[in-house]
Amino acid sequence: MGRKARRSLEAARLLLAKGHLDEAASRFYFSLFQAGIHALAKEGRRPGDFRPGAAYWEHRTVARHAAAIRGRAEDAGLFRRAMELRLQADYDPDCVVRRDLEVLRRDLERFVLEVTA
């Protein structure tokens, strides 16, 4: 899943550079989500560890455990902000604002690159 996270991050960067803001927001979020899955799986965790019978990773499960991945409380907020932008990108008639993506980008990139290294 680490490779997918890095590829999603690269796609997000390219989309942002081309001005495709909604699409970039979605890819940035999924790079974060995939990196979170990678980190949890690397620790030997599985979806069923968090919800009995679960066979796949739920977004809320990964987000709830985001702070524990790197031991940084602020990562919970990073996941929340990224999810909010993705939901806006996917479901709101208004486009995501470039500045909002740029503010999130640095911390998100650090998370993805650190946990998938």
PDB file of N, CA and C in Angstrom:
ATOM      1  N   MET A   1       0.820  -1.193   0.000  1.00  0.00           N
ATOM      2  CA  MET A   1       0.000   0.000   0.000  1.00  0.00           C
ATOM      3  C   MET A   1       0.869   1.264   0.000  1.00  0.00           C
ATOM      4  N   GLY A   2       2.101   1.139   0.448  1.00  0.00           N
ATOM      5  CA  GLY A   2       3.001   2.282   0.442  1.00  0.00           C
ATOM      6  C   GLY A   2       3.256   2.810  -0.959  1.00  0.00           C
ATOM      7  N   ARG A   3       3.417   1.889  -1.895  1.00  0.00           N
ATOM      8  CA  ARG A   3       3.642   2.306  -3.287  1.00  0.00           C
ATOM      9  C   ARG A   3       2.424   3.045  -3.832  1.00  0.00           C
ATOM     10  N   LYS A   4       1.226   2.542  -3.524  1.00  0.00           N
ATOM     11  CA  LYS A   4       0.009   3.224  -3.960  1.00  0.00           C
ATOM     12  C   LYS A   4      -0.074   4.629  -3.365  1.00  0.00           C
ATOM     13  N   ALA A   5       0.303   4.749  -2.112  1.00  0.00           N
ATOM     14  CA  ALA A   5       0.261   6.057  -1.443  1.00  0.00           C
ATOM     15  C   ALA A   5       1.187   7.042  -2.142  1.00  0.00           C
ATOM     16  N   ARG A   6       2.390   6.602  -2.456  1.00  0.00           N
ATOM     17  CA  ARG A   6       3.343   7.491  -3.136  1.00  0.00           C
ATOM     18  C   ARG A   6       2.881   7.826  -4.550  1.00  0.00           C
ATOM     19  N   ARG A   7       2.276   6.873  -5.233  1.00  0.00           N
ATOM     20  CA  ARG A   7       1.774   7.143  -6.582  1.00  0.00           C
ATOM     21  C   ARG A   7       0.590   8.104  -6.544  1.00  0.00           C
ATOM     22  N   SER A   8      -0.276   7.949  -5.554  1.00  0.00           N
ATOM     23  CA  SER A   8      -1.393   8.886  -5.401  1.00  0.00           C
ATOM     24  C   SER A   8      -0.868  10.282  -5.085  1.00  0.00           C
ATOM     25  N   LEU A   9       0.187  10.365  -4.282  1.00  0.00           N
ATOM     26  CA  LEU A   9       0.793  11.651  -3.969  1.00  0.00           C
ATOM     27  C   LEU A   9       1.355  12.306  -5.231  1.00  0.00           C
ATOM     28  N   GLU A  10       2.040  11.531  -6.036  1.00  0.00           N
ATOM     29  CA  GLU A  10       2.589  12.061  -7.287  1.00  0.00           C
ATOM     30  C   GLU A  10       1.472  12.518  -8.222  1.00  0.00           C
ATOM     31  N   ALA A  11       0.397  11.756  -8.311  1.00  0.00           N
ATOM     32  CA  ALA A  11      -0.741  12.157  -9.148  1.00  0.00           C
ATOM     33  C   ALA A  11      -1.350  13.458  -8.636  1.00  0.00           C
ATOM     34  N   ALA A  12      -1.455  13.591  -7.312  1.00  0.00           N
ATOM     35  CA  ALA A  12      -2.002  14.816  -6.724  1.00  0.00           C
ATOM     36  C   ALA A  12      -1.148  16.024  -7.083  1.00  0.00           C
ATOM     37  N   ARG A  13       0.158  15.852  -7.011  1.00  0.00           N
ATOM     38  CA  ARG A  13       1.070  16.951  -7.364  1.00  0.00           C
ATOM     39  C   ARG A  13       0.890  17.372  -8.814  1.00  0.00           C
ATOM     40  N   LEU A  14       0.787  16.401  -9.703  1.00  0.00           N
ATOM     41  CA  LEU A  14       0.606  16.702 -11.121  1.00  0.00           C
ATOM     42  C   LEU A  14      -0.732  17.383 -11.382  1.00  0.00           C
ATOM     43  N   LEU A  15      -1.772  16.887 -10.749  1.00  0.00           N
ATOM     44  CA  LEU A  15      -3.097  17.487 -10.914  1.00  0.00           C
ATOM     45  C   LEU A  15      -3.116  18.921 -10.391  1.00  0.00           C
ATOM     46  N   LEU A  16      -2.479  19.150  -9.257  1.00  0.00           N
ATOM     47  CA  LEU A  16      -2.413  20.494  -8.706  1.00  0.00           C
ATOM     48  C   LEU A  16      -1.652  21.426  -9.646  1.00  0.00           C
ATOM     49  N   ALA A  17      -0.549  20.945 -10.184  1.00  0.00           N
ATOM     50  CA  ALA A  17       0.248  21.761 -11.108  1.00  0.00           C
ATOM     51  C   ALA A  17      -0.554  22.143 -12.350  1.00  0.00           C
ATOM     52  N   LYS A  18      -1.468  21.282 -12.773  1.00  0.00           N
ATOM     53  CA  LYS A  18      -2.292  21.563 -13.949  1.00  0.00           C
ATOM     54  C   LYS A  18      -3.552  22.359 -13.603  1.00  0.00           C
ATOM     55  N   GLY A  19      -3.746  22.635 -12.316  1.00  0.00           N
ATOM     56  CA  GLY A  19      -4.910  23.414 -11.910  1.00  0.00           C
ATOM     57  C   GLY A  19      -6.173  22.609 -11.705  1.00  0.00           C
ATOM     58  N   HIS A  20      -6.058  21.306 -11.664  1.00  0.00           N
ATOM     59  CA  HIS A  20      -7.220  20.435 -11.428  1.00  0.00           C
ATOM     60  C   HIS A  20      -7.366  20.245  -9.914  1.00  0.00           C
ATOM     61  N   LEU A  21      -7.947  21.245  -9.278  1.00  0.00           N
ATOM     62  CA  LEU A  21      -7.930  21.329  -7.827  1.00  0.00           C
ATOM     63  C   LEU A  21      -8.775  20.269  -7.139  1.00  0.00           C
ATOM     64  N   ASP A  22      -9.987  20.025  -7.626  1.00  0.00           N
ATOM     65  CA  ASP A  22     -10.826  19.006  -6.994  1.00  0.00           C
ATOM     66  C   ASP A  22     -10.187  17.628  -7.100  1.00  0.00           C
ATOM     67  N   GLU A  23      -9.672  17.326  -8.265  1.00  0.00           N
ATOM     68  CA  GLU A  23      -9.036  16.026  -8.471  1.00  0.00           C
ATOM     69  C   GLU A  23      -7.779  15.889  -7.609  1.00  0.00           C
ATOM     70  N   ALA A  24      -7.027  16.972  -7.485  1.00  0.00           N
ATOM     71  CA  ALA A  24      -5.830  16.965  -6.641  1.00  0.00           C
ATOM     72  C   ALA A  24      -6.203  16.735  -5.184  1.00  0.00           C
ATOM     73  N   ALA A  25      -7.261  17.387  -4.717  1.00  0.00           N
ATOM     74  CA  ALA A  25      -7.704  17.215  -3.328  1.00  0.00           C
ATOM     75  C   ALA A  25      -8.059  15.759  -3.054  1.00  0.00           C
ATOM     76  N   SER A  26      -8.731  15.134  -3.996  1.00  0.00           N
ATOM     77  CA  SER A  26      -9.102  13.729  -3.836  1.00  0.00           C
ATOM     78  C   SER A  26      -7.860  12.831  -3.767  1.00  0.00           C
ATOM     79  N   ARG A  27      -6.933  13.035  -4.671  1.00  0.00           N
ATOM     80  CA  ARG A  27      -5.699  12.224  -4.678  1.00  0.00           C
ATOM     81  C   ARG A  27      -4.832  12.491  -3.449  1.00  0.00           C
ATOM     82  N   PHE A  28      -4.749  13.743  -3.004  1.00  0.00           N
ATOM     83  CA  PHE A  28      -3.991  14.031  -1.778  1.00  0.00           C
ATOM     84  C   PHE A  28      -4.594  13.261  -0.608  1.00  0.00           C
ATOM     85  N   TYR A  29      -5.915  13.308  -0.505  1.00  0.00           N
ATOM     86  CA  TYR A  29      -6.557  12.576   0.598  1.00  0.00           C
ATOM     87  C   TYR A  29      -6.254  11.076   0.500  1.00  0.00           C
ATOM     88  N   PHE A  30      -6.420  10.508  -0.683  1.00  0.00           N
ATOM     89  CA  PHE A  30      -6.209   9.063  -0.797  1.00  0.00           C
ATOM     90  C   PHE A  30      -4.757   8.673  -0.582  1.00  0.00           C
ATOM     91  N   SER A  31      -3.821   9.549  -0.903  1.00  0.00           N
ATOM     92  CA  SER A  31      -2.425   9.234  -0.591  1.00  0.00           C
ATOM     93  C   SER A  31      -2.235   9.153   0.918  1.00  0.00           C
ATOM     94  N   LEU A  32      -2.886  10.031   1.649  1.00  0.00           N
ATOM     95  CA  LEU A  32      -2.817  10.027   3.111  1.00  0.00           C
ATOM     96  C   LEU A  32      -3.476   8.770   3.680  1.00  0.00           C
ATOM     97  N   PHE A  33      -4.657   8.459   3.205  1.00  0.00           N
ATOM     98  CA  PHE A  33      -5.399   7.270   3.645  1.00  0.00           C
ATOM     99  C   PHE A  33      -4.584   5.998   3.362  1.00  0.00           C
ATOM    100  N   GLN A  34      -4.051   5.885   2.163  1.00  0.00           N
ATOM    101  CA  GLN A  34      -3.264   4.699   1.800  1.00  0.00           C
ATOM    102  C   GLN A  34      -1.987   4.605   2.630  1.00  0.00           C
ATOM    103  N   ALA A  35      -1.360   5.738   2.915  1.00  0.00           N
ATOM    104  CA  ALA A  35      -0.167   5.731   3.764  1.00  0.00           C
ATOM    105  C   ALA A  35      -0.525   5.289   5.179  1.00  0.00           C
ATOM    106  N   GLY A  36      -1.666   5.728   5.665  1.00  0.00           N
ATOM    107  CA  GLY A  36      -2.124   5.295   6.982  1.00  0.00           C
ATOM    108  C   GLY A  36      -2.341   3.797   7.038  1.00  0.00           C
ATOM    109  N   ILE A  37      -2.963   3.250   6.017  1.00  0.00           N
ATOM    110  CA  ILE A  37      -3.162   1.798   5.937  1.00  0.00           C
ATOM    111  C   ILE A  37      -1.809   1.092   5.925  1.00  0.00           C
ATOM    112  N   HIS A  38      -0.896   1.604   5.129  1.00  0.00           N
ATOM    113  CA  HIS A  38       0.441   1.019   5.037  1.00  0.00           C
ATOM    114  C   HIS A  38       1.100   0.961   6.411  1.00  0.00           C
ATOM    115  N   ALA A  39       1.043   2.068   7.137  1.00  0.00           N
ATOM    116  CA  ALA A  39       1.692   2.138   8.448  1.00  0.00           C
ATOM    117  C   ALA A  39       1.046   1.179   9.438  1.00  0.00           C
ATOM    118  N   LEU A  40      -0.274   1.119   9.451  1.00  0.00           N
ATOM    119  CA  LEU A  40      -0.960   0.209  10.372  1.00  0.00           C
ATOM    120  C   LEU A  40      -0.664  -1.246  10.030  1.00  0.00           C
ATOM    121  N   ALA A  41      -0.692  -1.569   8.742  1.00  0.00           N
ATOM    122  CA  ALA A  41      -0.399  -2.941   8.313  1.00  0.00           C
ATOM    123  C   ALA A  41       1.044  -3.321   8.617  1.00  0.00           C
ATOM    124  N   LYS A  42       1.944  -2.378   8.495  1.00  0.00           N
ATOM    125  CA  LYS A  42       3.354  -2.620   8.781  1.00  0.00           C
ATOM    126  C   LYS A  42       3.556  -2.985  10.260  1.00  0.00           C
ATOM    127  N   GLU A  43       2.679  -2.468  11.113  1.00  0.00           N
ATOM    128  CA  GLU A  43       2.702  -2.803  12.537  1.00  0.00           C
ATOM    129  C   GLU A  43       2.004  -4.126  12.819  1.00  0.00           C
ATOM    130  N   GLY A  44       1.502  -4.762  11.763  1.00  0.00           N
ATOM    131  CA  GLY A  44       0.807  -6.028  11.923  1.00  0.00           C
ATOM    132  C   GLY A  44      -0.679  -5.901  12.217  1.00  0.00           C
ATOM    133  N   ARG A  45      -1.198  -4.691  12.088  1.00  0.00           N
ATOM    134  CA  ARG A  45      -2.622  -4.460  12.352  1.00  0.00           C
ATOM    135  C   ARG A  45      -3.445  -4.793  11.118  1.00  0.00           C
ATOM    136  N   ARG A  46      -4.664  -5.235  11.363  1.00  0.00           N
ATOM    137  CA  ARG A  46      -5.608  -5.569  10.299  1.00  0.00           C
ATOM    138  C   ARG A  46      -6.944  -4.899  10.601  1.00  0.00           C
ATOM    139  N   PRO A  47      -7.793  -4.711   9.605  1.00  0.00           N
ATOM    140  CA  PRO A  47      -9.088  -4.064   9.856  1.00  0.00           C
ATOM    141  C   PRO A  47      -9.881  -4.724  10.983  1.00  0.00           C
ATOM    142  N   GLY A  48      -9.834  -6.039  11.056  1.00  0.00           N
ATOM    143  CA  GLY A  48     -10.573  -6.764  12.089  1.00  0.00           C
ATOM    144  C   GLY A  48     -10.075  -6.498  13.497  1.00  0.00           C
ATOM    145  N   ASP A  49      -8.880  -5.945  13.639  1.00  0.00           N
ATOM    146  CA  ASP A  49      -8.378  -5.584  14.966  1.00  0.00           C
ATOM    147  C   ASP A  49      -9.167  -4.420  15.556  1.00  0.00           C
ATOM    148  N   PHE A  50      -9.773  -3.626  14.690  1.00  0.00           N
ATOM    149  CA  PHE A  50     -10.471  -2.424  15.121  1.00  0.00           C
ATOM    150  C   PHE A  50     -11.986  -2.588  15.108  1.00  0.00           C
ATOM    151  N   ARG A  51     -12.462  -3.447  14.226  1.00  0.00           N
ATOM    152  CA  ARG A  51     -13.893  -3.725  14.141  1.00  0.00           C
ATOM    153  C   ARG A  51     -14.022  -5.208  13.816  1.00  0.00           C
ATOM    154  N   PRO A  52     -14.506  -5.990  14.760  1.00  0.00           N
ATOM    155  CA  PRO A  52     -14.603  -7.437  14.535  1.00  0.00           C
ATOM    156  C   PRO A  52     -15.309  -7.765  13.219  1.00  0.00           C
ATOM    157  N   GLY A  53     -14.679  -8.622  12.460  1.00  0.00           N
ATOM    158  CA  GLY A  53     -15.243  -9.066  11.186  1.00  0.00           C
ATOM    159  C   GLY A  53     -14.916  -8.179  10.005  1.00  0.00           C
ATOM    160  N   ALA A  54     -14.308  -7.037  10.246  1.00  0.00           N
ATOM    161  CA  ALA A  54     -13.997  -6.124   9.138  1.00  0.00           C
ATOM    162  C   ALA A  54     -12.946  -6.745   8.229  1.00  0.00           C
ATOM    163  N   ALA A  55     -13.196  -6.675   6.933  1.00  0.00           N
ATOM    164  CA  ALA A  55     -12.279  -7.250   5.954  1.00  0.00           C
ATOM    165  C   ALA A  55     -11.524  -6.171   5.178  1.00  0.00           C
ATOM    166  N   TYR A  56     -11.946  -4.947   5.304  1.00  0.00           N
ATOM    167  CA  TYR A  56     -11.297  -3.854   4.589  1.00  0.00           C
ATOM    168  C   TYR A  56     -11.164  -2.655   5.524  1.00  0.00           C
ATOM    169  N   TRP A  57     -10.266  -1.757   5.165  1.00  0.00           N
ATOM    170  CA  TRP A  57     -10.020  -0.566   5.976  1.00  0.00           C
ATOM    171  C   TRP A  57     -11.089   0.476   5.731  1.00  0.00           C
ATOM    172  N   GLU A  58     -11.671   0.970   6.799  1.00  0.00           N
ATOM    173  CA  GLU A  58     -12.639   2.050   6.710  1.00  0.00           C
ATOM    174  C   GLU A  58     -11.918   3.383   6.911  1.00  0.00           C
ATOM    175  N   HIS A  59     -12.396   4.393   6.252  1.00  0.00           N
ATOM    176  CA  HIS A  59     -11.777   5.710   6.357  1.00  0.00           C
ATOM    177  C   HIS A  59     -11.763   6.192   7.806  1.00  0.00           C
ATOM    178  N   ARG A  60     -12.877   6.028   8.481  1.00  0.00           N
ATOM    179  CA  ARG A  60     -12.958   6.511   9.868  1.00  0.00           C
ATOM    180  C   ARG A  60     -12.025   5.747  10.791  1.00  0.00           C
ATOM    181  N   THR A  61     -11.795   4.474  10.511  1.00  0.00           N
ATOM    182  CA  THR A  61     -10.885   3.679  11.343  1.00  0.00           C
ATOM    183  C   THR A  61      -9.458   4.200  11.222  1.00  0.00           C
ATOM    184  N   VAL A  62      -9.012   4.412  10.012  1.00  0.00           N
ATOM    185  CA  VAL A  62      -7.654   4.912   9.795  1.00  0.00           C
ATOM    186  C   VAL A  62      -7.525   6.310  10.398  1.00  0.00           C
ATOM    187  N   ALA A  63      -8.518   7.153  10.191  1.00  0.00           N
ATOM    188  CA  ALA A  63      -8.483   8.519  10.729  1.00  0.00           C
ATOM    189  C   ALA A  63      -8.445   8.518  12.260  1.00  0.00           C
ATOM    190  N   ARG A  64      -9.212   7.634  12.890  1.00  0.00           N
ATOM    191  CA  ARG A  64      -9.238   7.567  14.360  1.00  0.00           C
ATOM    192  C   ARG A  64      -7.882   7.178  14.946  1.00  0.00           C
ATOM    193  N   HIS A  65      -7.090   6.465  14.186  1.00  0.00           N
ATOM    194  CA  HIS A  65      -5.795   5.996  14.677  1.00  0.00           C
ATOM    195  C   HIS A  65      -4.623   6.753  14.067  1.00  0.00           C
ATOM    196  N   ALA A  66      -4.924   7.840  13.377  1.00  0.00           N
ATOM    197  CA  ALA A  66      -3.878   8.612  12.704  1.00  0.00           C
ATOM    198  C   ALA A  66      -2.831   9.137  13.677  1.00  0.00           C
ATOM    199  N   ALA A  67      -3.261   9.638  14.815  1.00  0.00           N
ATOM    200  CA  ALA A  67      -2.316  10.223  15.772  1.00  0.00           C
ATOM    201  C   ALA A  67      -1.327   9.192  16.302  1.00  0.00           C
ATOM    202  N   ALA A  68      -1.731   7.940  16.365  1.00  0.00           N
ATOM    203  CA  ALA A  68      -0.855   6.891  16.895  1.00  0.00           C
ATOM    204  C   ALA A  68       0.191   6.431  15.878  1.00  0.00           C
ATOM    205  N   ILE A  69      -0.031   6.676  14.613  1.00  0.00           N
ATOM    206  CA  ILE A  69       0.871   6.173  13.572  1.00  0.00           C
ATOM    207  C   ILE A  69       2.274   6.747  13.742  1.00  0.00           C
ATOM    208  N   ARG A  70       2.377   8.059  13.874  1.00  0.00           N
ATOM    209  CA  ARG A  70       3.686   8.689  14.077  1.00  0.00           C
ATOM    210  C   ARG A  70       3.843   9.216  15.501  1.00  0.00           C
ATOM    211  N   GLY A  71       2.816   8.998  16.312  1.00  0.00           N
ATOM    212  CA  GLY A  71       2.862   9.505  17.672  1.00  0.00           C
ATOM    213  C   GLY A  71       2.682  11.009  17.752  1.00  0.00           C
ATOM    214  N   ARG A  72       1.938  11.578  16.809  1.00  0.00           N
ATOM    215  CA  ARG A  72       1.732  13.030  16.740  1.00  0.00           C
ATOM    216  C   ARG A  72       0.240  13.338  16.743  1.00  0.00           C
ATOM    217  N   ALA A  73      -0.200  14.016  17.768  1.00  0.00           N
ATOM    218  CA  ALA A  73      -1.622  14.345  17.905  1.00  0.00           C
ATOM    219  C   ALA A  73      -2.147  15.144  16.712  1.00  0.00           C
ATOM    220  N   GLU A  74      -1.299  15.996  16.141  1.00  0.00           N
ATOM    221  CA  GLU A  74      -1.746  16.850  15.030  1.00  0.00           C
ATOM    222  C   GLU A  74      -2.108  16.060  13.773  1.00  0.00           C
ATOM    223  N   ASP A  75      -1.676  14.807  13.686  1.00  0.00           N
ATOM    224  CA  ASP A  75      -2.018  14.007  12.509  1.00  0.00           C
ATOM    225  C   ASP A  75      -3.514  13.701  12.432  1.00  0.00           C
ATOM    226  N   ALA A  76      -4.192  13.682  13.582  1.00  0.00           N
ATOM    227  CA  ALA A  76      -5.648  13.497  13.559  1.00  0.00           C
ATOM    228  C   ALA A  76      -6.299  14.675  12.827  1.00  0.00           C
ATOM    229  N   GLY A  77      -5.816  15.882  13.087  1.00  0.00           N
ATOM    230  CA  GLY A  77      -6.334  17.060  12.397  1.00  0.00           C
ATOM    231  C   GLY A  77      -5.992  17.070  10.923  1.00  0.00           C
ATOM    232  N   LEU A  78      -4.827  16.554  10.592  1.00  0.00           N
ATOM    233  CA  LEU A  78      -4.419  16.453   9.193  1.00  0.00           C
ATOM    234  C   LEU A  78      -5.387  15.561   8.422  1.00  0.00           C
ATOM    235  N   PHE A  79      -5.718  14.413   8.985  1.00  0.00           N
ATOM    236  CA  PHE A  79      -6.681  13.509   8.344  1.00  0.00           C
ATOM    237  C   PHE A  79      -8.044  14.181   8.222  1.00  0.00           C
ATOM    238  N   ARG A  80      -8.477  14.879   9.276  1.00  0.00           N
ATOM    239  CA  ARG A  80      -9.780  15.533   9.250  1.00  0.00           C
ATOM    240  C   ARG A  80      -9.833  16.598   8.151  1.00  0.00           C
ATOM    241  N   ARG A  81      -8.800  17.445   8.080  1.00  0.00           N
ATOM    242  CA  ARG A  81      -8.778  18.502   7.061  1.00  0.00           C
ATOM    243  C   ARG A  81      -8.719  17.929   5.644  1.00  0.00           C
ATOM    244  N   ALA A  82      -7.925  16.880   5.459  1.00  0.00           N
ATOM    245  CA  ALA A  82      -7.829  16.258   4.133  1.00  0.00           C
ATOM    246  C   ALA A  82      -9.166  15.650   3.728  1.00  0.00           C
ATOM    247  N   MET A  83      -9.846  15.004   4.667  1.00  0.00           N
ATOM    248  CA  MET A  83     -11.160  14.414   4.366  1.00  0.00           C
ATOM    249  C   MET A  83     -12.174  15.507   4.031  1.00  0.00           C
ATOM    250  N   GLU A  84     -12.153  16.608   4.761  1.00  0.00           N
ATOM    251  CA  GLU A  84     -13.079  17.709   4.471  1.00  0.00           C
ATOM    252  C   GLU A  84     -12.879  18.236   3.060  1.00  0.00           C
ATOM    253  N   LEU A  85     -11.626  18.405   2.644  1.00  0.00           N
ATOM    254  CA  LEU A  85     -11.361  18.886   1.285  1.00  0.00           C
ATOM    255  C   LEU A  85     -11.786  17.864   0.243  1.00  0.00           C
ATOM    256  N   ARG A  86     -11.557  16.585   0.527  1.00  0.00           N
ATOM    257  CA  ARG A  86     -11.983  15.554  -0.429  1.00  0.00           C
ATOM    258  C   ARG A  86     -13.495  15.542  -0.573  1.00  0.00           C
ATOM    259  N   LEU A  87     -14.204  15.649   0.529  1.00  0.00           N
ATOM    260  CA  LEU A  87     -15.664  15.673   0.463  1.00  0.00           C
ATOM    261  C   LEU A  87     -16.157  16.897  -0.299  1.00  0.00           C
ATOM    262  N   GLN A  88     -15.514  18.034  -0.079  1.00  0.00           N
ATOM    263  CA  GLN A  88     -15.868  19.225  -0.839  1.00  0.00           C
ATOM    264  C   GLN A  88     -15.602  18.994  -2.319  1.00  0.00           C
ATOM    265  N   ALA A  89     -14.445  18.438  -2.629  1.00  0.00           N
ATOM    266  CA  ALA A  89     -14.070  18.195  -4.029  1.00  0.00           C
ATOM    267  C   ALA A  89     -15.048  17.251  -4.719  1.00  0.00           C
ATOM    268  N   ASP A  90     -15.469  16.232  -4.006  1.00  0.00           N
ATOM    269  CA  ASP A  90     -16.305  15.202  -4.620  1.00  0.00           C
ATOM    270  C   ASP A  90     -17.800  15.525  -4.627  1.00  0.00           C
ATOM    271  N   TYR A  91     -18.272  16.288  -3.634  1.00  0.00           N
ATOM    272  CA  TYR A  91     -19.715  16.426  -3.475  1.00  0.00           C
ATOM    273  C   TYR A  91     -20.253  17.855  -3.447  1.00  0.00           C
ATOM    274  N   ASP A  92     -19.398  18.838  -3.296  1.00  0.00           N
ATOM    275  CA  ASP A  92     -19.841  20.225  -3.219  1.00  0.00           C
ATOM    276  C   ASP A  92     -19.779  20.844  -4.612  1.00  0.00           C
ATOM    277  N   PRO A  93     -20.770  21.634  -4.981  1.00  0.00           N
ATOM    278  CA  PRO A  93     -20.714  22.269  -6.306  1.00  0.00           C
ATOM    279  C   PRO A  93     -19.575  23.282  -6.435  1.00  0.00           C
ATOM    280  N   ASP A  94     -19.097  23.817  -5.307  1.00  0.00           N
ATOM    281  CA  ASP A  94     -17.982  24.756  -5.356  1.00  0.00           C
ATOM    282  C   ASP A  94     -16.662  24.002  -5.376  1.00  0.00           C
ATOM    283  N   CYS A  95     -15.733  24.504  -6.158  1.00  0.00           N
ATOM    284  CA  CYS A  95     -14.409  23.883  -6.256  1.00  0.00           C
ATOM    285  C   CYS A  95     -13.573  24.163  -5.016  1.00  0.00           C
ATOM    286  N   VAL A  96     -12.643  23.286  -4.771  1.00  0.00           N
ATOM    287  CA  VAL A  96     -11.666  23.474  -3.707  1.00  0.00           C
ATOM    288  C   VAL A  96     -10.805  24.681  -4.065  1.00  0.00           C
ATOM    289  N   VAL A  97     -10.404  25.429  -3.072  1.00  0.00           N
ATOM    290  CA  VAL A  97      -9.574  26.611  -3.258  1.00  0.00           C
ATOM    291  C   VAL A  97      -8.101  26.200  -3.195  1.00  0.00           C
ATOM    292  N   ARG A  98      -7.326  26.668  -4.136  1.00  0.00           N
ATOM    293  CA  ARG A  98      -5.901  26.302  -4.211  1.00  0.00           C
ATOM    294  C   ARG A  98      -5.177  26.558  -2.889  1.00  0.00           C
ATOM    295  N   ARG A  99      -5.441  27.680  -2.282  1.00  0.00           N
ATOM    296  CA  ARG A  99      -4.754  28.026  -1.026  1.00  0.00           C
ATOM    297  C   ARG A  99      -5.003  26.958   0.043  1.00  0.00           C
ATOM    298  N   ASP A 100      -6.222  26.439   0.115  1.00  0.00           N
ATOM    299  CA  ASP A 100      -6.532  25.395   1.101  1.00  0.00           C
ATOM    300  C   ASP A 100      -5.700  24.140   0.855  1.00  0.00           C
ATOM    301  N   LEU A 101      -5.514  23.803  -0.414  1.00  0.00           N
ATOM    302  CA  LEU A 101      -4.682  22.644  -0.751  1.00  0.00           C
ATOM    303  C   LEU A 101      -3.219  22.893  -0.421  1.00  0.00           C
ATOM    304  N   GLU A 102      -2.748  24.079  -0.733  1.00  0.00           N
ATOM    305  CA  GLU A 102      -1.342  24.401  -0.492  1.00  0.00           C
ATOM    306  C   GLU A 102      -1.019  24.385   1.003  1.00  0.00           C
ATOM    307  N   VAL A 103      -1.956  24.842   1.828  1.00  0.00           N
ATOM    308  CA  VAL A 103      -1.753  24.836   3.278  1.00  0.00           C
ATOM    309  C   VAL A 103      -1.616  23.400   3.785  1.00  0.00           C
ATOM    310  N   LEU A 104      -2.407  22.521   3.267  1.00  0.00           N
ATOM    311  CA  LEU A 104      -2.415  21.119   3.694  1.00  0.00           C
ATOM    312  C   LEU A 104      -1.266  20.313   3.100  1.00  0.00           C
ATOM    313  N   ARG A 105      -0.842  20.690   1.941  1.00  0.00           N
ATOM    314  CA  ARG A 105       0.097  19.892   1.148  1.00  0.00           C
ATOM    315  C   ARG A 105       1.393  19.528   1.872  1.00  0.00           C
ATOM    316  N   ARG A 106       2.053  20.484   2.478  1.00  0.00           N
ATOM    317  CA  ARG A 106       3.356  20.225   3.092  1.00  0.00           C
ATOM    318  C   ARG A 106       3.274  19.149   4.175  1.00  0.00           C
ATOM    319  N   ASP A 107       2.314  19.286   5.082  1.00  0.00           N
ATOM    320  CA  ASP A 107       2.179  18.315   6.169  1.00  0.00           C
ATOM    321  C   ASP A 107       1.755  16.954   5.639  1.00  0.00           C
ATOM    322  N   LEU A 108       0.872  16.961   4.664  1.00  0.00           N
ATOM    323  CA  LEU A 108       0.406  15.708   4.073  1.00  0.00           C
ATOM    324  C   LEU A 108       1.549  14.978   3.377  1.00  0.00           C
ATOM    325  N   GLU A 109       2.337  15.700   2.601  1.00  0.00           N
ATOM    326  CA  GLU A 109       3.478  15.081   1.918  1.00  0.00           C
ATOM    327  C   GLU A 109       4.467  14.485   2.919  1.00  0.00           C
ATOM    328  N   ARG A 110       4.730  15.219   3.982  1.00  0.00           N
ATOM    329  CA  ARG A 110       5.650  14.710   5.003  1.00  0.00           C
ATOM    330  C   ARG A 110       5.143  13.403   5.616  1.00  0.00           C
ATOM    331  N   PHE A 111       3.856  13.382   5.925  1.00  0.00           N
ATOM    332  CA  PHE A 111       3.259  12.179   6.504  1.00  0.00           C
ATOM    333  C   PHE A 111       3.434  10.996   5.551  1.00  0.00           C
ATOM    334  N   VAL A 112       3.004  11.185   4.320  1.00  0.00           N
ATOM    335  CA  VAL A 112       3.044  10.095   3.338  1.00  0.00           C
ATOM    336  C   VAL A 112       4.480   9.604   3.132  1.00  0.00           C
ATOM    337  N   LEU A 113       5.394  10.525   2.909  1.00  0.00           N
ATOM    338  CA  LEU A 113       6.775  10.118   2.633  1.00  0.00           C
ATOM    339  C   LEU A 113       7.451   9.477   3.851  1.00  0.00           C
ATOM    340  N   GLU A 114       7.128   9.975   5.027  1.00  0.00           N
ATOM    341  CA  GLU A 114       7.723   9.414   6.240  1.00  0.00           C
ATOM    342  C   GLU A 114       7.226   8.003   6.526  1.00  0.00           C
ATOM    343  N   VAL A 115       5.926   7.795   6.447  1.00  0.00           N
ATOM    344  CA  VAL A 115       5.403   6.471   6.846  1.00  0.00           C
ATOM    345  C   VAL A 115       5.571   5.420   5.749  1.00  0.00           C
ATOM    346  N   THR A 116       5.851   5.850   4.534  1.00  0.00           N
ATOM    347  CA  THR A 116       6.040   4.865   3.459  1.00  0.00           C
ATOM    348  C   THR A 116       7.512   4.644   3.125  1.00  0.00           C
ATOM    349  N   ALA A 117       8.414   5.314   3.856  1.00  0.00           N
ATOM    350  CA  ALA A 117       9.861   5.181   3.588  1.00  0.00           C
ATOM    351  C   ALA A 117      10.355   3.776   3.924  1.00  0.00           C
TER     352      ALA A 117
END
